[in-house]
N, C-alpha and C. Protein backbone atom coordinates (compact mmCIF):
# COMPACT_ATOMS: atom_id res chain seq x y z
N MET A 1 14.47 5.63 20.82
CA MET A 1 14.85 7.16 21.40
C MET A 1 13.80 8.31 20.49
N LYS A 2 13.60 9.05 21.48
CA LYS A 2 12.86 10.36 20.83
C LYS A 2 13.15 11.52 21.09
N LEU A 3 13.33 12.46 20.44
CA LEU A 3 14.26 13.54 19.71
C LEU A 3 13.60 14.65 19.17
N ALA A 4 13.25 16.00 19.42
CA ALA A 4 12.74 16.66 18.95
C ALA A 4 13.55 17.52 17.50
N LEU A 5 12.37 17.46 16.91
CA LEU A 5 13.41 18.44 15.29
C LEU A 5 12.64 19.88 15.21
N GLU A 6 13.13 20.94 15.51
CA GLU A 6 11.28 21.59 15.57
C GLU A 6 10.61 21.50 16.34
N LYS A 7 9.29 21.45 15.93
CA LYS A 7 7.92 20.81 15.97
C LYS A 7 7.88 19.68 15.67
N PHE A 8 8.38 18.71 15.22
CA PHE A 8 8.37 17.24 14.66
C PHE A 8 9.04 16.59 15.86
N GLU A 9 8.33 15.38 16.80
CA GLU A 9 8.63 14.51 17.04
C GLU A 9 9.27 13.16 16.47
N TYR A 10 10.61 12.39 16.98
CA TYR A 10 10.72 11.42 15.61
C TYR A 10 10.84 10.16 16.54
N ILE A 11 11.07 9.08 16.12
CA ILE A 11 11.78 8.26 16.87
C ILE A 11 12.77 7.56 15.80
N ILE A 12 13.71 6.70 16.49
CA ILE A 12 14.91 6.45 15.67
C ILE A 12 14.55 4.64 15.71
N LYS A 13 14.91 4.20 14.92
CA LYS A 13 15.18 2.77 14.62
C LYS A 13 16.22 2.11 14.10
N LYS A 14 17.43 2.04 14.92
CA LYS A 14 18.75 1.09 14.40
C LYS A 14 18.39 0.10 13.46
N SER A 15 19.38 -0.35 12.94
CA SER A 15 19.61 -1.84 12.48
C SER A 15 20.86 -2.02 11.72
N ARG A 16 20.90 -3.22 10.76
CA ARG A 16 21.78 -3.13 9.85
C ARG A 16 21.49 -2.62 8.37
N ARG A 17 20.57 -2.13 8.12
CA ARG A 17 20.48 -1.54 6.87
C ARG A 17 20.98 0.05 6.56
N THR A 18 21.68 -0.08 5.05
CA THR A 18 22.54 0.68 4.86
C THR A 18 22.58 2.47 4.29
N THR A 19 21.21 2.52 4.17
CA THR A 19 20.25 3.73 4.44
C THR A 19 19.96 4.59 5.75
N ILE A 20 19.34 5.83 5.44
CA ILE A 20 18.56 6.54 6.34
C ILE A 20 17.00 6.16 5.47
N SER A 21 15.86 6.36 5.71
CA SER A 21 14.92 7.16 5.61
C SER A 21 14.02 7.28 6.67
N VAL A 22 12.18 7.58 6.39
CA VAL A 22 11.97 8.22 7.36
C VAL A 22 10.26 8.25 6.71
N GLN A 23 9.71 7.86 7.44
CA GLN A 23 8.30 7.59 7.19
C GLN A 23 7.25 8.28 7.99
N ILE A 24 6.04 8.84 7.96
CA ILE A 24 5.05 9.06 8.62
C ILE A 24 4.33 8.24 9.16
N THR A 25 3.97 8.35 10.79
CA THR A 25 3.11 6.96 11.22
C THR A 25 1.55 7.56 11.42
N PRO A 26 0.84 7.09 11.33
CA PRO A 26 -0.17 7.44 11.53
C PRO A 26 -0.94 8.37 11.89
N ASP A 27 -0.27 8.88 13.56
CA ASP A 27 0.02 9.90 14.36
C ASP A 27 0.82 11.24 14.25
N GLN A 28 0.83 11.43 13.26
CA GLN A 28 1.63 12.28 12.77
C GLN A 28 3.39 12.28 13.26
N LYS A 29 4.08 11.52 13.41
CA LYS A 29 5.14 11.09 14.62
C LYS A 29 6.10 10.22 12.87
N LEU A 30 7.42 11.12 13.00
CA LEU A 30 8.50 10.24 12.18
C LEU A 30 8.97 9.44 12.56
N LEU A 31 9.13 8.48 12.08
CA LEU A 31 10.14 6.63 12.24
C LEU A 31 10.89 7.10 11.13
N VAL A 32 12.38 7.50 11.71
CA VAL A 32 13.60 6.99 10.99
C VAL A 32 14.26 5.62 10.98
N LYS A 33 14.40 5.27 10.46
CA LYS A 33 15.20 4.06 10.16
C LYS A 33 16.41 4.42 9.25
N ALA A 34 18.30 3.71 10.32
CA ALA A 34 18.52 4.28 10.18
C ALA A 34 20.01 2.75 10.52
N PRO A 35 21.16 3.74 9.26
CA PRO A 35 22.43 2.22 9.83
C PRO A 35 22.60 2.14 11.35
N ALA A 36 22.53 1.01 11.97
CA ALA A 36 23.39 1.11 13.58
C ALA A 36 24.18 2.20 13.70
N TYR A 37 25.20 2.46 12.95
CA TYR A 37 26.27 3.75 13.20
C TYR A 37 26.03 4.86 13.12
N THR A 38 24.58 5.49 12.57
CA THR A 38 24.72 6.57 12.58
C THR A 38 24.59 7.87 13.38
N SER A 39 24.91 8.59 13.71
CA SER A 39 25.01 9.48 14.87
C SER A 39 23.06 10.76 14.79
N ILE A 40 22.87 10.92 15.89
CA ILE A 40 22.00 11.82 15.97
C ILE A 40 22.41 13.16 14.92
N LYS A 41 23.09 13.83 14.96
CA LYS A 41 23.52 14.59 13.76
C LYS A 41 23.28 14.80 12.27
N GLU A 42 23.75 13.46 11.97
CA GLU A 42 23.32 12.30 10.76
C GLU A 42 22.15 12.52 10.55
N VAL A 43 21.21 12.30 11.64
CA VAL A 43 19.41 11.81 11.56
C VAL A 43 19.10 13.12 11.35
N GLU A 44 19.00 14.17 12.27
CA GLU A 44 18.74 15.67 12.16
C GLU A 44 19.22 16.33 10.77
N GLU A 45 20.27 16.40 10.35
CA GLU A 45 20.60 16.47 8.94
C GLU A 45 19.93 16.03 7.83
N PHE A 46 19.65 14.89 8.05
CA PHE A 46 18.92 14.07 7.02
C PHE A 46 17.56 14.88 7.08
N LEU A 47 17.02 15.08 8.60
CA LEU A 47 15.42 15.43 8.70
C LEU A 47 15.18 16.64 7.87
N ARG A 48 16.24 17.94 8.13
CA ARG A 48 16.23 18.96 7.81
C ARG A 48 16.46 19.14 6.25
N GLU A 49 17.06 18.27 5.58
CA GLU A 49 17.05 18.07 4.08
C GLU A 49 15.16 17.86 3.65
N LYS A 50 14.84 16.82 4.19
CA LYS A 50 13.78 16.05 3.89
C LYS A 50 12.64 17.03 4.20
N ARG A 51 12.87 17.91 5.14
CA ARG A 51 11.68 18.73 5.78
C ARG A 51 10.20 19.24 4.96
N ASP A 52 10.82 19.75 3.49
CA ASP A 52 9.80 20.06 2.95
C ASP A 52 8.76 18.78 2.68
N TRP A 53 9.55 17.67 1.97
CA TRP A 53 8.79 16.98 1.99
C TRP A 53 8.02 16.08 3.51
N ILE A 54 8.60 15.68 4.56
CA ILE A 54 7.77 15.81 5.81
C ILE A 54 6.47 16.62 5.88
N ILE A 55 7.06 18.11 5.98
CA ILE A 55 5.92 18.58 6.47
C ILE A 55 4.54 18.36 5.29
N LYS A 56 5.02 18.00 4.05
CA LYS A 56 4.01 17.51 2.57
C LYS A 56 2.93 16.27 3.33
N GLN A 57 4.21 15.64 3.95
CA GLN A 57 3.44 14.60 4.29
C GLN A 57 2.10 13.95 5.23
N ILE A 58 2.99 14.88 6.29
CA ILE A 58 2.03 15.28 7.58
C ILE A 58 0.58 15.89 7.53
N ASN A 59 0.75 16.85 6.26
CA ASN A 59 -0.55 17.30 5.69
C ASN A 59 -1.11 16.16 5.68
N ARG A 60 -0.60 15.32 4.44
CA ARG A 60 -1.43 14.65 3.65
C ARG A 60 -1.93 13.59 4.71
N THR A 61 -1.28 12.84 5.50
CA THR A 61 -1.65 11.65 6.71
C THR A 61 -3.24 12.40 7.99
N LYS A 62 -2.84 13.56 7.38
CA LYS A 62 -4.00 14.73 8.36
C LYS A 62 -5.26 14.19 7.46
N VAL A 63 -5.32 14.44 6.53
CA VAL A 63 -6.29 14.27 5.52
C VAL A 63 -7.26 13.06 5.39
N THR A 64 -6.31 12.11 5.09
CA THR A 64 -6.19 10.78 5.31
C THR A 64 -7.05 9.63 6.49
N SER A 65 -6.28 11.02 7.69
CA SER A 65 -7.29 10.59 8.88
C SER A 65 -8.41 10.93 8.75
N GLN A 66 -8.50 12.21 8.23
CA GLN A 66 -9.82 12.42 8.63
C GLN A 66 -10.82 11.82 7.51
N GLN A 67 -9.93 11.07 6.39
CA GLN A 67 -11.13 10.17 5.20
C GLN A 67 -11.60 9.40 5.91
N ALA A 68 -10.70 8.80 6.59
CA ALA A 68 -11.00 7.54 7.52
C ALA A 68 -11.98 7.76 8.40
N ALA A 69 -11.98 8.60 9.41
CA ALA A 69 -12.94 8.86 10.83
C ALA A 69 -14.32 9.28 9.97
N GLN A 70 -13.92 9.73 8.96
CA GLN A 70 -15.78 9.98 7.86
C GLN A 70 -16.25 8.99 7.79
N MET A 71 -14.92 7.72 6.97
CA MET A 71 -15.56 6.60 6.55
C MET A 71 -16.17 5.25 7.59
N GLY A 72 -15.59 5.65 8.76
CA GLY A 72 -15.69 5.07 10.67
C GLY A 72 -14.92 4.05 10.21
N ILE A 73 -14.16 3.42 11.20
CA ILE A 73 -13.60 2.04 12.02
C ILE A 73 -14.58 1.14 11.68
N LEU A 74 -13.91 0.14 10.80
CA LEU A 74 -14.62 -1.05 10.33
C LEU A 74 -14.95 -2.11 12.05
N SER A 75 -16.16 -2.48 12.20
CA SER A 75 -16.16 -3.23 13.16
C SER A 75 -15.95 -4.48 13.38
N ASP A 76 -15.80 -5.38 13.77
CA ASP A 76 -15.08 -6.64 13.89
C ASP A 76 -16.31 -7.60 13.11
N LYS A 77 -17.91 -7.32 13.29
CA LYS A 77 -18.84 -7.73 12.32
C LYS A 77 -18.36 -7.02 10.88
N GLU A 78 -17.46 -6.20 10.51
CA GLU A 78 -17.93 -5.06 9.40
C GLU A 78 -16.68 -6.51 8.83
N ILE A 79 -15.67 -6.43 9.56
CA ILE A 79 -14.53 -7.16 8.76
C ILE A 79 -14.57 -8.12 8.70
N ARG A 80 -15.09 -9.16 9.70
CA ARG A 80 -15.84 -10.82 9.34
C ARG A 80 -16.56 -10.75 7.71
N LYS A 81 -17.73 -9.92 7.16
CA LYS A 81 -18.13 -9.47 5.98
C LYS A 81 -17.47 -9.40 4.75
N LEU A 82 -16.51 -7.99 5.45
CA LEU A 82 -15.71 -7.77 4.16
C LEU A 82 -14.68 -9.27 3.45
N LYS A 83 -14.33 -9.74 4.73
CA LYS A 83 -13.49 -10.95 4.44
C LYS A 83 -14.65 -11.85 3.39
N ARG A 84 -15.66 -12.59 3.93
CA ARG A 84 -16.40 -12.60 3.11
C ARG A 84 -16.91 -12.31 1.64
N ASP A 85 -17.06 -10.85 1.64
CA ASP A 85 -17.35 -10.96 0.26
C ASP A 85 -16.30 -10.44 -0.52
N ALA A 86 -15.06 -10.53 -0.06
CA ALA A 86 -13.69 -10.59 -0.30
C ALA A 86 -13.35 -11.90 -1.14
N LYS A 87 -13.24 -12.83 0.09
CA LYS A 87 -13.02 -14.29 -0.77
C LYS A 87 -14.23 -14.57 -2.01
N LYS A 88 -15.81 -14.04 -1.93
CA LYS A 88 -16.35 -14.13 -3.30
C LYS A 88 -15.90 -13.51 -4.59
N ILE A 89 -15.81 -11.76 -4.56
CA ILE A 89 -15.61 -11.00 -5.66
C ILE A 89 -14.28 -10.83 -6.15
N ILE A 90 -13.09 -11.07 -5.38
CA ILE A 90 -11.97 -11.45 -5.70
C ILE A 90 -11.18 -12.33 -6.96
N PRO A 91 -11.74 -13.45 -6.34
CA PRO A 91 -11.61 -14.74 -6.98
C PRO A 91 -11.95 -14.50 -8.64
N GLU A 92 -13.17 -14.02 -8.77
CA GLU A 92 -14.12 -14.28 -9.62
C GLU A 92 -13.40 -13.17 -10.59
N ARG A 93 -12.74 -11.92 -10.16
CA ARG A 93 -12.47 -11.14 -10.97
C ARG A 93 -10.89 -11.66 -11.49
N VAL A 94 -10.03 -12.31 -10.65
CA VAL A 94 -8.83 -12.60 -11.49
C VAL A 94 -9.27 -14.04 -12.21
N GLU A 95 -10.23 -14.61 -12.04
CA GLU A 95 -10.53 -15.74 -13.10
C GLU A 95 -10.46 -14.90 -14.60
N TYR A 96 -11.96 -13.86 -14.36
CA TYR A 96 -12.03 -12.86 -15.98
C TYR A 96 -10.84 -12.66 -16.51
N TYR A 97 -10.10 -11.74 -15.61
CA TYR A 97 -8.90 -11.23 -15.93
C TYR A 97 -8.18 -12.63 -16.56
N ALA A 98 -7.69 -13.43 -15.93
CA ALA A 98 -6.71 -14.92 -16.33
C ALA A 98 -7.66 -14.95 -17.58
N LYS A 99 -8.53 -15.32 -18.04
CA LYS A 99 -9.31 -15.81 -18.79
C LYS A 99 -8.95 -14.88 -20.07
N LEU A 100 -9.24 -13.75 -20.06
CA LEU A 100 -8.90 -12.71 -20.95
C LEU A 100 -8.06 -12.62 -21.28
N SER A 101 -6.96 -12.79 -20.51
CA SER A 101 -5.63 -12.09 -20.93
C SER A 101 -4.39 -13.83 -21.51
N GLY A 102 -4.93 -14.88 -20.61
CA GLY A 102 -4.48 -15.98 -21.01
C GLY A 102 -3.35 -16.00 -19.93
N ILE A 103 -3.20 -15.31 -19.03
CA ILE A 103 -2.42 -16.13 -17.49
C ILE A 103 -3.08 -16.53 -17.04
N THR A 104 -2.31 -17.55 -16.61
CA THR A 104 -2.50 -18.61 -15.59
C THR A 104 -1.91 -18.41 -14.22
N TYR A 105 -2.42 -18.95 -13.15
CA TYR A 105 -1.93 -18.75 -11.55
C TYR A 105 -2.04 -20.00 -11.00
N ASN A 106 -1.43 -19.68 -9.91
CA ASN A 106 -1.45 -20.65 -8.93
C ASN A 106 -2.85 -20.50 -7.89
N ARG A 107 -2.46 -20.09 -6.74
CA ARG A 107 -3.92 -20.08 -5.63
C ARG A 107 -4.01 -18.68 -5.96
N ILE A 108 -4.54 -18.70 -4.85
CA ILE A 108 -5.44 -17.08 -4.56
C ILE A 108 -5.41 -17.23 -2.41
N PHE A 109 -4.61 -15.82 -2.05
CA PHE A 109 -4.68 -15.68 -0.65
C PHE A 109 -5.42 -14.49 -0.58
N ILE A 110 -6.39 -14.26 0.26
CA ILE A 110 -6.95 -12.91 0.66
C ILE A 110 -6.90 -13.11 1.83
N ARG A 111 -6.35 -11.48 2.29
CA ARG A 111 -5.77 -11.20 4.09
C ARG A 111 -6.32 -9.56 3.74
N LEU A 112 -6.46 -9.47 5.40
CA LEU A 112 -6.80 -8.03 5.64
C LEU A 112 -4.93 -7.54 5.65
N GLN A 113 -4.61 -6.67 5.24
CA GLN A 113 -3.07 -6.18 5.57
C GLN A 113 -2.58 -4.79 5.30
N LYS A 114 -1.73 -4.30 5.94
CA LYS A 114 -1.80 -2.90 6.50
C LYS A 114 -1.14 -2.24 5.11
N SER A 115 -0.49 -2.66 5.00
CA SER A 115 0.68 -1.75 3.67
C SER A 115 0.22 -2.32 2.31
N ARG A 116 0.27 -3.60 1.83
CA ARG A 116 -0.37 -3.95 0.55
C ARG A 116 -1.39 -4.40 -0.22
N TRP A 117 -1.67 -4.17 -1.47
CA TRP A 117 -2.69 -4.14 -2.04
C TRP A 117 -2.45 -5.49 -2.74
N GLY A 118 -1.65 -5.80 -3.09
CA GLY A 118 -1.34 -7.24 -3.73
C GLY A 118 -0.05 -7.54 -3.65
N SER A 119 0.02 -9.31 -4.47
CA SER A 119 1.58 -9.22 -4.66
C SER A 119 1.22 -10.66 -5.32
N CYS A 120 2.54 -10.97 -6.23
CA CYS A 120 2.78 -12.29 -6.84
C CYS A 120 4.07 -13.30 -6.45
N SER A 121 3.60 -14.19 -6.10
CA SER A 121 4.90 -15.28 -5.98
C SER A 121 5.59 -15.97 -6.74
N ILE A 122 7.01 -16.04 -7.10
CA ILE A 122 6.99 -16.86 -8.09
C ILE A 122 6.49 -17.91 -8.35
N GLU A 123 5.69 -18.92 -7.63
CA GLU A 123 5.43 -19.84 -7.60
C GLU A 123 3.90 -19.78 -8.36
N GLY A 124 3.66 -18.46 -8.98
CA GLY A 124 2.14 -17.75 -9.16
C GLY A 124 1.21 -17.90 -8.10
N ASN A 125 1.63 -17.81 -7.28
CA ASN A 125 0.15 -17.67 -5.94
C ASN A 125 0.27 -16.00 -5.79
N LEU A 126 -0.92 -15.66 -5.89
CA LEU A 126 -1.61 -14.29 -6.14
C LEU A 126 -2.10 -13.65 -4.35
N ASN A 127 -1.84 -12.79 -3.95
CA ASN A 127 -2.65 -11.89 -2.88
C ASN A 127 -2.85 -10.93 -3.21
N PHE A 128 -3.93 -11.09 -2.07
CA PHE A 128 -5.06 -9.41 -2.32
C PHE A 128 -5.32 -9.46 -1.07
N ASN A 129 -5.77 -7.56 -0.65
CA ASN A 129 -6.09 -7.25 0.71
C ASN A 129 -7.18 -6.93 0.30
N ALA A 130 -7.83 -7.78 1.65
CA ALA A 130 -9.46 -7.78 1.58
C ALA A 130 -10.41 -6.46 1.81
N LEU A 131 -9.28 -5.18 1.77
CA LEU A 131 -9.77 -4.04 1.30
C LEU A 131 -10.48 -3.45 0.37
N LEU A 132 -9.32 -4.47 -0.76
CA LEU A 132 -10.04 -4.14 -1.89
C LEU A 132 -11.52 -4.22 -2.50
N ALA A 133 -12.14 -5.19 -1.87
CA ALA A 133 -13.78 -5.59 -1.86
C ALA A 133 -14.80 -3.80 -1.59
N LEU A 134 -13.90 -3.18 -0.90
CA LEU A 134 -14.54 -1.87 -0.13
C LEU A 134 -14.62 -0.76 -1.55
N MET A 135 -13.21 -0.84 -1.78
CA MET A 135 -13.26 0.36 -3.23
C MET A 135 -13.87 -0.13 -4.85
N PRO A 136 -13.92 1.08 -5.13
CA PRO A 136 -14.70 0.81 -6.88
C PRO A 136 -14.24 -0.27 -7.62
N LEU A 137 -14.62 -1.09 -7.97
CA LEU A 137 -14.44 -2.50 -8.65
C LEU A 137 -13.54 -1.87 -9.65
N GLU A 138 -13.22 -1.03 -10.11
CA GLU A 138 -12.17 -0.48 -11.56
C GLU A 138 -10.86 -0.36 -10.68
N VAL A 139 -10.72 -0.49 -9.12
CA VAL A 139 -9.52 -0.38 -8.19
C VAL A 139 -9.29 -1.62 -8.26
N LEU A 140 -10.03 -2.78 -7.54
CA LEU A 140 -9.80 -4.22 -7.68
C LEU A 140 -9.14 -4.42 -8.49
N ASP A 141 -9.58 -4.64 -10.37
CA ASP A 141 -9.26 -4.73 -11.30
C ASP A 141 -8.14 -4.32 -11.77
N SER A 142 -7.64 -2.75 -11.19
CA SER A 142 -7.07 -2.65 -11.88
C SER A 142 -5.34 -3.01 -10.70
N VAL A 143 -5.27 -3.52 -9.68
CA VAL A 143 -4.89 -4.52 -8.37
C VAL A 143 -5.08 -6.23 -9.49
N VAL A 144 -5.63 -6.76 -9.45
CA VAL A 144 -6.28 -7.57 -9.87
C VAL A 144 -4.72 -8.11 -11.61
N VAL A 145 -5.01 -6.55 -12.08
CA VAL A 145 -4.36 -7.02 -13.52
C VAL A 145 -2.59 -6.82 -13.39
N HIS A 146 -2.73 -5.91 -12.58
CA HIS A 146 -1.28 -5.64 -11.90
C HIS A 146 -1.00 -7.27 -11.02
N GLU A 147 -1.49 -8.12 -10.74
CA GLU A 147 -0.82 -8.73 -10.31
C GLU A 147 -0.18 -9.98 -11.04
N LEU A 148 -1.82 -10.18 -12.08
CA LEU A 148 -1.72 -11.17 -12.99
C LEU A 148 -0.61 -10.80 -13.91
N CYS A 149 -0.30 -9.67 -14.45
CA CYS A 149 1.04 -9.20 -15.83
C CYS A 149 2.36 -9.77 -14.68
N HIS A 150 2.92 -9.76 -13.46
CA HIS A 150 3.46 -10.11 -12.82
C HIS A 150 3.96 -11.73 -13.11
N ARG A 151 2.81 -12.44 -13.65
CA ARG A 151 2.95 -14.26 -14.38
C ARG A 151 3.95 -13.76 -15.25
N ARG A 152 3.90 -12.68 -15.83
CA ARG A 152 4.66 -12.44 -17.47
C ARG A 152 5.84 -12.06 -17.27
N HIS A 153 5.63 -10.89 -15.93
CA HIS A 153 7.26 -10.02 -15.72
C HIS A 153 7.22 -9.91 -14.60
N MET A 154 8.01 -10.58 -13.82
CA MET A 154 8.28 -10.50 -12.40
C MET A 154 9.36 -8.99 -12.07
N ASP A 155 8.59 -7.59 -12.61
CA ASP A 155 9.41 -6.79 -12.51
C ASP A 155 8.37 -5.41 -12.81
N HIS A 156 8.99 -4.06 -12.47
CA HIS A 156 7.90 -3.18 -12.88
C HIS A 156 8.41 -2.28 -14.42
N SER A 157 8.57 -2.91 -15.29
CA SER A 157 9.76 -2.68 -16.55
C SER A 157 8.54 -2.09 -17.01
N LYS A 158 8.85 -1.09 -18.47
CA LYS A 158 7.95 -0.67 -19.45
C LYS A 158 7.43 -2.30 -20.09
N ALA A 159 7.37 -3.00 -20.37
CA ALA A 159 7.05 -4.23 -20.90
C ALA A 159 5.83 -4.80 -20.17
N PHE A 160 6.19 -4.77 -18.92
CA PHE A 160 5.76 -5.08 -17.66
C PHE A 160 4.01 -3.53 -17.34
N TYR A 161 4.42 -2.66 -17.78
CA TYR A 161 3.28 -1.56 -17.69
C TYR A 161 2.38 -2.13 -19.16
N ASP A 162 3.18 -2.15 -20.30
CA ASP A 162 2.80 -2.26 -21.82
C ASP A 162 1.67 -3.28 -21.21
N GLU A 163 1.76 -4.37 -20.62
CA GLU A 163 1.05 -5.22 -20.85
C GLU A 163 -0.29 -5.14 -20.15
N VAL A 164 -0.16 -4.39 -18.47
CA VAL A 164 -0.89 -3.94 -17.97
C VAL A 164 -1.87 -3.15 -18.58
N LEU A 165 -1.73 -1.70 -19.46
CA LEU A 165 -2.35 -1.10 -20.13
C LEU A 165 -2.91 -2.22 -21.23
N LYS A 166 -2.46 -3.34 -22.00
CA LYS A 166 -2.80 -3.61 -22.95
C LYS A 166 -4.18 -4.68 -22.26
N ILE A 167 -4.21 -4.59 -21.33
CA ILE A 167 -5.81 -5.83 -20.59
C ILE A 167 -6.55 -4.18 -19.71
N PHE A 168 -5.75 -3.56 -19.36
CA PHE A 168 -6.69 -2.95 -18.69
C PHE A 168 -6.45 -1.32 -18.83
N PRO A 169 -6.86 -0.52 -20.15
CA PRO A 169 -6.26 0.83 -20.52
C PRO A 169 -6.40 1.84 -19.65
N ASP A 170 -7.48 1.58 -18.25
CA ASP A 170 -7.94 2.47 -17.40
C ASP A 170 -7.30 3.07 -16.15
N TYR A 171 -5.65 1.60 -15.88
CA TYR A 171 -4.52 1.75 -15.03
C TYR A 171 -4.30 2.75 -14.62
N LYS A 172 -3.85 3.73 -15.51
CA LYS A 172 -2.85 4.87 -14.81
C LYS A 172 -3.88 5.30 -13.79
N LYS A 173 -5.25 5.94 -14.36
CA LYS A 173 -6.54 6.14 -13.09
C LYS A 173 -6.63 5.49 -12.16
N TRP A 174 -7.17 4.24 -11.95
CA TRP A 174 -7.30 3.98 -11.04
C TRP A 174 -6.22 3.72 -10.14
N ASP A 175 -5.13 3.54 -10.49
CA ASP A 175 -3.83 3.39 -9.75
C ASP A 175 -3.13 4.44 -8.71
N LYS A 176 -4.02 5.19 -9.48
CA LYS A 176 -3.71 7.30 -9.09
C LYS A 176 -4.64 6.85 -7.85
N TRP A 177 -5.67 6.88 -8.38
CA TRP A 177 -6.89 6.86 -7.02
C TRP A 177 -6.66 5.99 -6.02
N LEU A 178 -6.12 4.85 -5.94
CA LEU A 178 -5.62 3.89 -5.24
C LEU A 178 -4.40 4.74 -4.41
N LYS A 179 -3.32 4.99 -4.84
CA LYS A 179 -2.20 6.19 -4.42
C LYS A 179 -2.95 7.12 -3.18
N GLN A 180 -4.19 7.48 -3.58
CA GLN A 180 -4.59 8.98 -3.36
C GLN A 180 -5.60 8.39 -2.32
N ASN A 181 -5.96 7.49 -2.33
CA ASN A 181 -7.19 6.88 -0.72
C ASN A 181 -7.13 5.78 -0.39
N GLY A 182 -6.35 4.56 -0.47
CA GLY A 182 -6.34 3.69 -0.48
C GLY A 182 -5.93 3.75 1.10
N ALA A 183 -5.02 4.80 1.60
CA ALA A 183 -4.69 4.76 3.37
C ALA A 183 -5.50 5.06 3.73
N ALA A 184 -5.91 6.11 4.02
CA ALA A 184 -7.72 5.75 4.42
C ALA A 184 -8.49 4.66 4.82
N TYR A 185 -8.41 3.60 3.58
CA TYR A 185 -8.99 2.27 3.74
C TYR A 185 -8.26 1.95 5.18
N GLN A 186 -7.35 1.74 5.09
CA GLN A 186 -5.90 1.05 5.47
C GLN A 186 -6.31 1.35 6.91
N LEU A 187 -6.78 2.58 7.16
CA LEU A 187 -6.36 3.33 8.54
C LEU A 187 -8.36 2.70 9.22
N ARG A 188 -9.09 2.45 8.17
CA ARG A 188 -10.86 2.09 8.90
C ARG A 188 -10.22 0.58 10.12
N VAL A 189 -9.07 -0.04 9.64
CA VAL A 189 -9.17 -1.53 10.15
C VAL A 189 -9.22 -0.99 11.99
N GLY A 190 -8.27 0.43 11.89
CA GLY A 190 -8.18 0.26 13.43
C GLY A 190 -6.89 -0.60 14.20
N GLU A 191 -6.47 -0.66 15.09
CA GLU A 191 -5.24 -0.91 15.53
C GLU A 191 -5.29 -2.18 15.49
């Protein structure tokens, strides 16, 4: 269902969820996720309350799209090379920080992902986004250390971040860089 809210076009996706959320799509549309029983009036009230945030996020996505366009969409050939490079450099960085910290892991998986930069499973498997190989090495290292530290703390507690900062003191700087620039890299993959 598409409706207009002032100058914003939005799409409502209803499901069994219990809360309303909104996200901005790359083409600056609003995707509203809402419980199945939510009325249009409730959705529009939610969007009015979030208006300032929505405007800020739309402006941010415009900047991100411009950054991605300046860097260029990756061709199939470039994506294949990126995956090869990532499969070489990411395991090297994982091994380096695993030895440095004394943290063990099981397997490493590297994929081209739309939203995540990394994850750690309960089994000790580490997953990384191949796009990290295009970024400054410090960004890759910050994600590697983050995921390795989940082997000791499967949460984002103070103890977890203390562990991260002990191993990689510049973590906050490069995590901020990733939050500010990462979306542009994801847009380079195209559809």
